[in-house]
C-alpha atoms as a PDB file:
ATOM      1  CA  UNK A   1      -5.587  23.182 -23.826  1.00  0.00           C
ATOM      2  CA  UNK A   2      -2.849  22.235 -22.264  1.00  0.00           C
ATOM      3  CA  UNK A   3      -3.595  25.263 -19.130  1.00  0.00           C
ATOM      4  CA  UNK A   4      -6.806  23.821 -19.270  1.00  0.00           C
ATOM      5  CA  UNK A   5      -5.759  20.146 -18.978  1.00  0.00           C
ATOM      6  CA  UNK A   6      -3.530  20.866 -15.783  1.00  0.00           C
ATOM      7  CA  UNK A   7      -6.056  23.201 -14.061  1.00  0.00           C
ATOM      8  CA  UNK A   8      -8.401  20.601 -14.422  1.00  0.00           C
ATOM      9  CA  UNK A   9      -6.267  17.795 -12.841  1.00  0.00           C
ATOM     10  CA  UNK A  10      -5.542  20.235 -10.223  1.00  0.00           C
ATOM     11  CA  UNK A  11      -9.601  20.716  -9.177  1.00  0.00           C
ATOM     12  CA  UNK A  12      -9.957  16.985  -9.472  1.00  0.00           C
ATOM     13  CA  UNK A  13      -7.026  16.279  -7.402  1.00  0.00           C
ATOM     14  CA  UNK A  14      -8.296  19.100  -4.520  1.00  0.00           C
ATOM     15  CA  UNK A  15     -11.890  17.728  -4.778  1.00  0.00           C
ATOM     16  CA  UNK A  16     -10.678  14.065  -4.064  1.00  0.00           C
ATOM     17  CA  UNK A  17      -8.365  15.350  -1.549  1.00  0.00           C
ATOM     18  CA  UNK A  18     -10.334  17.722   0.599  1.00  0.00           C
ATOM     19  CA  UNK A  19     -13.745  16.629  -0.312  1.00  0.00           C
ATOM     20  CA  UNK A  20     -16.644  14.863   0.927  1.00  0.00           C
ATOM     21  CA  UNK A  21     -17.482  11.967  -1.290  1.00  0.00           C
ATOM     22  CA  UNK A  22     -14.883   9.863  -3.832  1.00  0.00           C
ATOM     23  CA  UNK A  23     -16.194   7.652  -6.411  1.00  0.00           C
ATOM     24  CA  UNK A  24     -14.414   4.473  -7.642  1.00  0.00           C
ATOM     25  CA  UNK A  25     -15.777   1.785  -9.774  1.00  0.00           C
ATOM     26  CA  UNK A  26     -18.888   3.082  -9.888  1.00  0.00           C
ATOM     27  CA  UNK A  27     -19.364   3.159  -5.964  1.00  0.00           C
ATOM     28  CA  UNK A  28     -19.711   6.386  -4.177  1.00  0.00           C
ATOM     29  CA  UNK A  29     -17.893   6.699  -0.723  1.00  0.00           C
ATOM     30  CA  UNK A  30     -18.151   9.049   2.161  1.00  0.00           C
ATOM     31  CA  UNK A  31     -15.195  10.198   3.696  1.00  0.00           C
ATOM     32  CA  UNK A  32     -15.262  10.420   7.547  1.00  0.00           C
ATOM     33  CA  UNK A  33     -11.985  11.274   9.187  1.00  0.00           C
ATOM     34  CA  UNK A  34     -10.003  10.297   6.138  1.00  0.00           C
ATOM     35  CA  UNK A  35      -8.347  11.171   3.000  1.00  0.00           C
ATOM     36  CA  UNK A  36      -8.851   9.561  -0.009  1.00  0.00           C
ATOM     37  CA  UNK A  37      -7.979   9.080  -4.288  1.00  0.00           C
ATOM     38  CA  UNK A  38      -8.464   6.951  -7.180  1.00  0.00           C
ATOM     39  CA  UNK A  39      -4.687   6.036  -7.954  1.00  0.00           C
ATOM     40  CA  UNK A  40      -2.736   3.215  -9.641  1.00  0.00           C
ATOM     41  CA  UNK A  41      -0.852   0.608  -8.416  1.00  0.00           C
ATOM     42  CA  UNK A  42       0.940  -2.327  -9.877  1.00  0.00           C
ATOM     43  CA  UNK A  43      -0.696  -1.006 -13.042  1.00  0.00           C
ATOM     44  CA  UNK A  44      -4.470  -1.234 -11.398  1.00  0.00           C
ATOM     45  CA  UNK A  45      -6.652   1.396 -10.635  1.00  0.00           C
ATOM     46  CA  UNK A  46      -7.580   1.066  -6.778  1.00  0.00           C
ATOM     47  CA  UNK A  47      -8.884   2.805  -3.529  1.00  0.00           C
ATOM     48  CA  UNK A  48      -6.079   4.730  -1.529  1.00  0.00           C
ATOM     49  CA  UNK A  49      -7.226   5.698   1.935  1.00  0.00           C
ATOM     50  CA  UNK A  50      -5.268   7.315   4.874  1.00  0.00           C
ATOM     51  CA  UNK A  51      -6.715   8.983   8.407  1.00  0.00           C
ATOM     52  CA  UNK A  52      -6.817  12.404   8.147  1.00  0.00           C
ATOM     53  CA  UNK A  53      -4.757  13.028  10.829  1.00  0.00           C
ATOM     54  CA  UNK A  54      -5.012  16.601  10.452  1.00  0.00           C
ATOM     55  CA  UNK A  55      -8.673  16.941  10.817  1.00  0.00           C
ATOM     56  CA  UNK A  56      -8.573  13.993  13.734  1.00  0.00           C
ATOM     57  CA  UNK A  57      -5.350  14.028  15.466  1.00  0.00           C
ATOM     58  CA  UNK A  58      -4.719  10.812  17.781  1.00  0.00           C
ATOM     59  CA  UNK A  59      -2.905  11.293  21.195  1.00  0.00           C
ATOM     60  CA  UNK A  60      -0.019   8.714  22.311  1.00  0.00           C
ATOM     61  CA  UNK A  61      -0.986   8.842  26.123  1.00  0.00           C
ATOM     62  CA  UNK A  62      -4.568   8.729  25.400  1.00  0.00           C
ATOM     63  CA  UNK A  63      -4.673   5.742  23.134  1.00  0.00           C
ATOM     64  CA  UNK A  64      -7.743   4.193  23.533  1.00  0.00           C
ATOM     65  CA  UNK A  65      -9.799   6.559  23.067  1.00  0.00           C
ATOM     66  CA  UNK A  66      -8.139   8.079  19.654  1.00  0.00           C
ATOM     67  CA  UNK A  67      -8.037   5.048  17.704  1.00  0.00           C
ATOM     68  CA  UNK A  68     -10.810   2.545  16.736  1.00  0.00           C
ATOM     69  CA  UNK A  69     -12.484   5.008  15.759  1.00  0.00           C
ATOM     70  CA  UNK A  70     -14.733   5.894  12.461  1.00  0.00           C
ATOM     71  CA  UNK A  71     -11.957   6.301  10.205  1.00  0.00           C
ATOM     72  CA  UNK A  72     -13.373   5.073   7.001  1.00  0.00           C
ATOM     73  CA  UNK A  73     -14.421   5.796   3.484  1.00  0.00           C
ATOM     74  CA  UNK A  74     -18.598   4.565   3.770  1.00  0.00           C
ATOM     75  CA  UNK A  75     -19.978   2.909   0.665  1.00  0.00           C
ATOM     76  CA  UNK A  76     -23.549   5.118   0.485  1.00  0.00           C
ATOM     77  CA  UNK A  77     -27.129   3.652  -0.357  1.00  0.00           C
ATOM     78  CA  UNK A  78     -25.996   0.271   1.259  1.00  0.00           C
ATOM     79  CA  UNK A  79     -28.111  -1.198   4.162  1.00  0.00           C
ATOM     80  CA  UNK A  80     -26.561  -4.669   4.860  1.00  0.00           C
ATOM     81  CA  UNK A  81     -28.049  -7.299   8.063  1.00  0.00           C
ATOM     82  CA  UNK A  82     -26.955 -10.581   6.807  1.00  0.00           C
ATOM     83  CA  UNK A  83     -24.822 -11.466   4.112  1.00  0.00           C
ATOM     84  CA  UNK A  84     -21.124 -11.157   2.499  1.00  0.00           C
ATOM     85  CA  UNK A  85     -18.324  -8.493   2.517  1.00  0.00           C
ATOM     86  CA  UNK A  86     -15.366  -9.706   0.300  1.00  0.00           C
ATOM     87  CA  UNK A  87     -12.608  -6.929  -0.752  1.00  0.00           C
ATOM     88  CA  UNK A  88      -8.939  -7.165  -1.417  1.00  0.00           C
ATOM     89  CA  UNK A  89      -7.031  -4.884   0.795  1.00  0.00           C
ATOM     90  CA  UNK A  90      -3.138  -3.932   0.559  1.00  0.00           C
ATOM     91  CA  UNK A  91      -1.387  -2.452   3.571  1.00  0.00           C
ATOM     92  CA  UNK A  92       1.639   0.053   3.738  1.00  0.00           C
ATOM     93  CA  UNK A  93       3.352   1.847   6.485  1.00  0.00           C
ATOM     94  CA  UNK A  94       3.641   5.904   5.907  1.00  0.00           C
ATOM     95  CA  UNK A  95       7.053   7.298   6.747  1.00  0.00           C
ATOM     96  CA  UNK A  96       5.645   9.391   9.208  1.00  0.00           C
ATOM     97  CA  UNK A  97       4.190   6.074  11.007  1.00  0.00           C
ATOM     98  CA  UNK A  98       4.710   6.070  14.662  1.00  0.00           C
ATOM     99  CA  UNK A  99       6.664   2.719  15.860  1.00  0.00           C
ATOM    100  CA  UNK A 100       3.239   0.933  17.128  1.00  0.00           C
ATOM    101  CA  UNK A 101       1.776   1.529  13.679  1.00  0.00           C
ATOM    102  CA  UNK A 102       0.848  -2.011  12.226  1.00  0.00           C
ATOM    103  CA  UNK A 103      -0.371  -1.355   8.935  1.00  0.00           C
ATOM    104  CA  UNK A 104      -4.291  -1.137  10.185  1.00  0.00           C
ATOM    105  CA  UNK A 105      -6.294  -2.029   7.457  1.00  0.00           C
ATOM    106  CA  UNK A 106      -9.761  -3.468   7.167  1.00  0.00           C
ATOM    107  CA  UNK A 107     -13.643  -3.390   7.105  1.00  0.00           C
ATOM    108  CA  UNK A 108     -16.163  -1.680   9.216  1.00  0.00           C
ATOM    109  CA  UNK A 109     -19.870  -2.790   8.676  1.00  0.00           C
ATOM    110  CA  UNK A 110     -23.545  -2.366   9.944  1.00  0.00           C
ATOM    111  CA  UNK A 111     -22.472   1.838  10.526  1.00  0.00           C
ATOM    112  CA  UNK A 112     -25.374   4.156  10.881  1.00  0.00           C
ATOM    113  CA  UNK A 113     -25.768   7.220   9.478  1.00  0.00           C
ATOM    114  CA  UNK A 114     -24.099   9.313  11.929  1.00  0.00           C
ATOM    115  CA  UNK A 115     -21.221   7.137  12.285  1.00  0.00           C
ATOM    116  CA  UNK A 116     -21.283   6.721  16.163  1.00  0.00           C
ATOM    117  CA  UNK A 117     -21.824   2.850  15.993  1.00  0.00           C
ATOM    118  CA  UNK A 118     -20.608   0.066  13.977  1.00  0.00           C
ATOM    119  CA  UNK A 119     -18.846  -3.126  13.560  1.00  0.00           C
ATOM    120  CA  UNK A 120     -15.496  -3.752  12.592  1.00  0.00           C
ATOM    121  CA  UNK A 121     -12.581  -6.368  11.604  1.00  0.00           C
ATOM    122  CA  UNK A 122      -9.531  -5.366  10.640  1.00  0.00           C
ATOM    123  CA  UNK A 123      -5.806  -6.813  10.381  1.00  0.00           C
ATOM    124  CA  UNK A 124      -2.139  -5.936  11.508  1.00  0.00           C
ATOM    125  CA  UNK A 125       0.070  -7.202   8.762  1.00  0.00           C
ATOM    126  CA  UNK A 126       2.988  -6.354  10.713  1.00  0.00           C
ATOM    127  CA  UNK A 127       2.445  -8.664  13.365  1.00  0.00           C
ATOM    128  CA  UNK A 128       1.580 -11.994  10.925  1.00  0.00           C
ATOM    129  CA  UNK A 129       5.128 -12.371  10.231  1.00  0.00           C
ATOM    130  CA  UNK A 130       6.479 -11.039  13.301  1.00  0.00           C
ATOM    131  CA  UNK A 131       9.377 -12.971  15.176  1.00  0.00           C
ATOM    132  CA  UNK A 132       7.633 -12.763  18.413  1.00  0.00           C
ATOM    133  CA  UNK A 133       4.508 -14.975  19.387  1.00  0.00           C
ATOM    134  CA  UNK A 134       2.590 -12.049  21.571  1.00  0.00           C
ATOM    135  CA  UNK A 135       2.189 -10.005  18.477  1.00  0.00           C
ATOM    136  CA  UNK A 136       1.460 -13.053  15.973  1.00  0.00           C
ATOM    137  CA  UNK A 137      -1.597 -13.513  18.231  1.00  0.00           C
ATOM    138  CA  UNK A 138      -3.035 -10.051  17.496  1.00  0.00           C
ATOM    139  CA  UNK A 139      -2.786 -10.608  13.723  1.00  0.00           C
ATOM    140  CA  UNK A 140      -6.695  -9.917  13.366  1.00  0.00           C
ATOM    141  CA  UNK A 141      -8.799  -7.779  15.522  1.00  0.00           C
ATOM    142  CA  UNK A 142     -12.812  -7.558  15.974  1.00  0.00           C
ATOM    143  CA  UNK A 143     -14.147  -4.502  17.973  1.00  0.00           C
ATOM    144  CA  UNK A 144     -17.586  -2.513  18.313  1.00  0.00           C
ATOM    145  CA  UNK A 145     -17.808   1.100  18.167  1.00  0.00           C
ATOM    146  CA  UNK A 146     -17.460   2.813  20.608  1.00  0.00           C
ATOM    147  CA  UNK A 147     -18.466   0.648  23.646  1.00  0.00           C
ATOM    148  CA  UNK A 148     -16.133  -2.154  22.780  1.00  0.00           C
ATOM    149  CA  UNK A 149     -12.667  -0.987  21.393  1.00  0.00           C
ATOM    150  CA  UNK A 150      -9.801  -3.581  21.426  1.00  0.00           C
ATOM    151  CA  UNK A 151      -8.423  -2.573  24.558  1.00  0.00           C
ATOM    152  CA  UNK A 152     -11.607  -3.136  26.543  1.00  0.00           C
ATOM    153  CA  UNK A 153     -11.834  -6.373  24.483  1.00  0.00           C
ATOM    154  CA  UNK A 154      -8.620  -7.921  25.108  1.00  0.00           C
ATOM    155  CA  UNK A 155      -8.860  -6.782  28.947  1.00  0.00           C
ATOM    156  CA  UNK A 156     -12.289  -8.533  29.838  1.00  0.00           C
ATOM    157  CA  UNK A 157     -12.395 -11.157  26.915  1.00  0.00           C
ATOM    158  CA  UNK A 158      -8.719 -12.365  26.620  1.00  0.00           C
ATOM    159  CA  UNK A 159      -7.806 -14.147  23.283  1.00  0.00           C
ATOM    160  CA  UNK A 160     -11.539 -14.110  22.290  1.00  0.00           C
ATOM    161  CA  UNK A 161     -11.329 -11.240  19.628  1.00  0.00           C
ATOM    162  CA  UNK A 162      -7.724 -11.566  18.031  1.00  0.00           C
ATOM    163  CA  UNK A 163      -6.180 -14.447  16.434  1.00  0.00           C
ATOM    164  CA  UNK A 164      -3.200 -15.407  14.164  1.00  0.00           C
ATOM    165  CA  UNK A 165      -3.226 -15.191  10.348  1.00  0.00           C
ATOM    166  CA  UNK A 166      -0.166 -15.394   7.925  1.00  0.00           C
ATOM    167  CA  UNK A 167      -0.224 -12.277   6.018  1.00  0.00           C
ATOM    168  CA  UNK A 168       2.408  -9.580   5.548  1.00  0.00           C
ATOM    169  CA  UNK A 169       2.844  -5.872   4.665  1.00  0.00           C
ATOM    170  CA  UNK A 170       2.570  -4.593   0.950  1.00  0.00           C
ATOM    171  CA  UNK A 171       0.585  -7.460  -0.272  1.00  0.00           C
ATOM    172  CA  UNK A 172      -3.017  -7.983  -1.872  1.00  0.00           C
ATOM    173  CA  UNK A 173      -4.844  -9.955   0.851  1.00  0.00           C
ATOM    174  CA  UNK A 174      -8.359 -10.760   0.275  1.00  0.00           C
ATOM    175  CA  UNK A 175     -10.828 -10.084   2.978  1.00  0.00           C
ATOM    176  CA  UNK A 176     -14.396 -12.142   3.209  1.00  0.00           C
ATOM    177  CA  UNK A 177     -16.668 -11.484   5.886  1.00  0.00           C
ATOM    178  CA  UNK A 178     -20.287 -13.587   6.591  1.00  0.00           C
ATOM    179  CA  UNK A 179     -22.337 -11.652   8.638  1.00  0.00           C
ATOM    180  CA  UNK A 180     -24.879 -13.765  10.021  1.00  0.00           C
ATOM    181  CA  UNK A 181     -27.091 -11.883  12.779  1.00  0.00           C
ATOM    182  CA  UNK A 182     -24.728 -11.927  16.023  1.00  0.00           C
ATOM    183  CA  UNK A 183     -22.133 -14.151  14.501  1.00  0.00           C
ATOM    184  CA  UNK A 184     -19.535 -13.327  11.238  1.00  0.00           C
ATOM    185  CA  UNK A 185     -16.705 -15.450   9.798  1.00  0.00           C
ATOM    186  CA  UNK A 186     -13.318 -14.405   8.451  1.00  0.00           C
ATOM    187  CA  UNK A 187     -12.073 -16.152   5.735  1.00  0.00           C
ATOM    188  CA  UNK A 188      -8.899 -14.840   4.200  1.00  0.00           C
ATOM    189  CA  UNK A 189      -7.147 -15.224   1.011  1.00  0.00           C
ATOM    190  CA  UNK A 190     -10.066 -17.820  -0.411  1.00  0.00           C
ATOM    191  CA  UNK A 191      -9.230 -20.447   2.416  1.00  0.00           C
ATOM    192  CA  UNK A 192     -11.996 -23.110   2.924  1.00  0.00           C
ATOM    193  CA  UNK A 193     -12.250 -22.836   6.475  1.00  0.00           C
ATOM    194  CA  UNK A 194     -12.523 -19.424   8.404  1.00  0.00           C
ATOM    195  CA  UNK A 195      -9.591 -17.854   9.541  1.00  0.00           C
ATOM    196  CA  UNK A 196     -11.679 -15.781  12.492  1.00  0.00           C
ATOM    197  CA  UNK A 197     -14.965 -16.452  14.212  1.00  0.00           C
ATOM    198  CA  UNK A 198     -16.589 -13.832  16.459  1.00  0.00           C
ATOM    199  CA  UNK A 199     -19.088 -15.953  18.187  1.00  0.00           C
ATOM    200  CA  UNK A 200     -21.147 -12.927  19.630  1.00  0.00           C
ATOM    201  CA  UNK A 201     -20.996  -9.569  18.230  1.00  0.00           C
ATOM    202  CA  UNK A 202     -21.141  -7.132  20.987  1.00  0.00           C
ATOM    203  CA  UNK A 203     -23.076  -3.945  19.232  1.00  0.00           C
ATOM    204  CA  UNK A 204     -26.422  -3.092  18.874  1.00  0.00           C
ATOM    205  CA  UNK A 205     -26.725  -2.259  15.338  1.00  0.00           C
ATOM    206  CA  UNK A 206     -28.947  -4.829  13.247  1.00  0.00           C
ATOM    207  CA  UNK A 207     -28.084  -3.373   9.940  1.00  0.00           C
ATOM    208  CA  UNK A 208     -26.018  -0.480   8.387  1.00  0.00           C
ATOM    209  CA  UNK A 209     -23.407   0.720   5.448  1.00  0.00           C
ATOM    210  CA  UNK A 210     -19.955  -1.072   4.899  1.00  0.00           C
ATOM    211  CA  UNK A 211     -16.649   0.793   4.743  1.00  0.00           C
ATOM    212  CA  UNK A 212     -12.933   0.693   4.025  1.00  0.00           C
ATOM    213  CA  UNK A 213     -11.331   1.227   7.447  1.00  0.00           C
ATOM    214  CA  UNK A 214      -7.981   2.517   8.211  1.00  0.00           C
ATOM    215  CA  UNK A 215      -6.161   3.687  11.267  1.00  0.00           C
ATOM    216  CA  UNK A 216      -2.746   5.331  12.456  1.00  0.00           C
ATOM    217  CA  UNK A 217       0.730   5.057  10.082  1.00  0.00           C
ATOM    218  CA  UNK A 218      -1.476   3.305   7.212  1.00  0.00           C
ATOM    219  CA  UNK A 219      -1.238   3.997   3.547  1.00  0.00           C
ATOM    220  CA  UNK A 220      -4.478   1.862   2.691  1.00  0.00           C
ATOM    221  CA  UNK A 221      -5.164   0.387  -0.696  1.00  0.00           C
ATOM    222  CA  UNK A 222      -8.543  -1.344  -1.609  1.00  0.00           C
ATOM    223  CA  UNK A 223     -10.105  -2.889  -4.557  1.00  0.00           C
ATOM    224  CA  UNK A 224     -12.696  -5.421  -5.729  1.00  0.00           C
ATOM    225  CA  UNK A 225     -15.439  -4.617  -3.018  1.00  0.00           C
ATOM    226  CA  UNK A 226     -18.710  -6.890  -3.537  1.00  0.00           C
ATOM    227  CA  UNK A 227     -21.496  -7.017  -1.228  1.00  0.00           C
ATOM    228  CA  UNK A 228     -24.015  -9.737  -1.554  1.00  0.00           C
ATOM    229  CA  UNK A 229     -27.223  -9.651   0.755  1.00  0.00           C
ATOM    230  CA  UNK A 230     -28.532 -12.808   2.568  1.00  0.00           C
END
């Protein structure tokens, strides 16, 4: 019996790590360039997601072309145009994280089936309490894949698609997106007023799936994903 249990656990672990889908709290996610598993964190079951650097490495000399990519666990069976997405996220830095890692973690939305187009808002928790105002100003980020990543937006539309938020690593952060046509509001940790407003999103997709997004150096955890269509 013990031998069977160990074997079964090994098979389950292998499937979770290398398989294409993972199920968490009756929600099925399709993995794209990430590894994911259901783990316990601080006594709670959560979904752990990391970018799969073996399957999708990055080039530090060509950062713009290897970051802000579809590195996410995409929720199956969802097609959202307008509505509310709420999720709790917690970010840690991997031991192997490069020095430019910021704990990148967030939400992708209006993602198409081929993962070639989506919108995203993510956070850089290490920036939130940095002793440097420039970094603080880049705590929250919007981007639109594939044409408007952070570097292009920062160059062509300075200060419009990034902002500050008081957040940090290794703490649960509630992200709430309210999406209405071309406009998106981000509320953090239950605040009454939005922490960030995207007045005019750049992507062409009018609807699509929702995904849990991470990037280089992040050990990301997610729980309590809720989606309300409007």
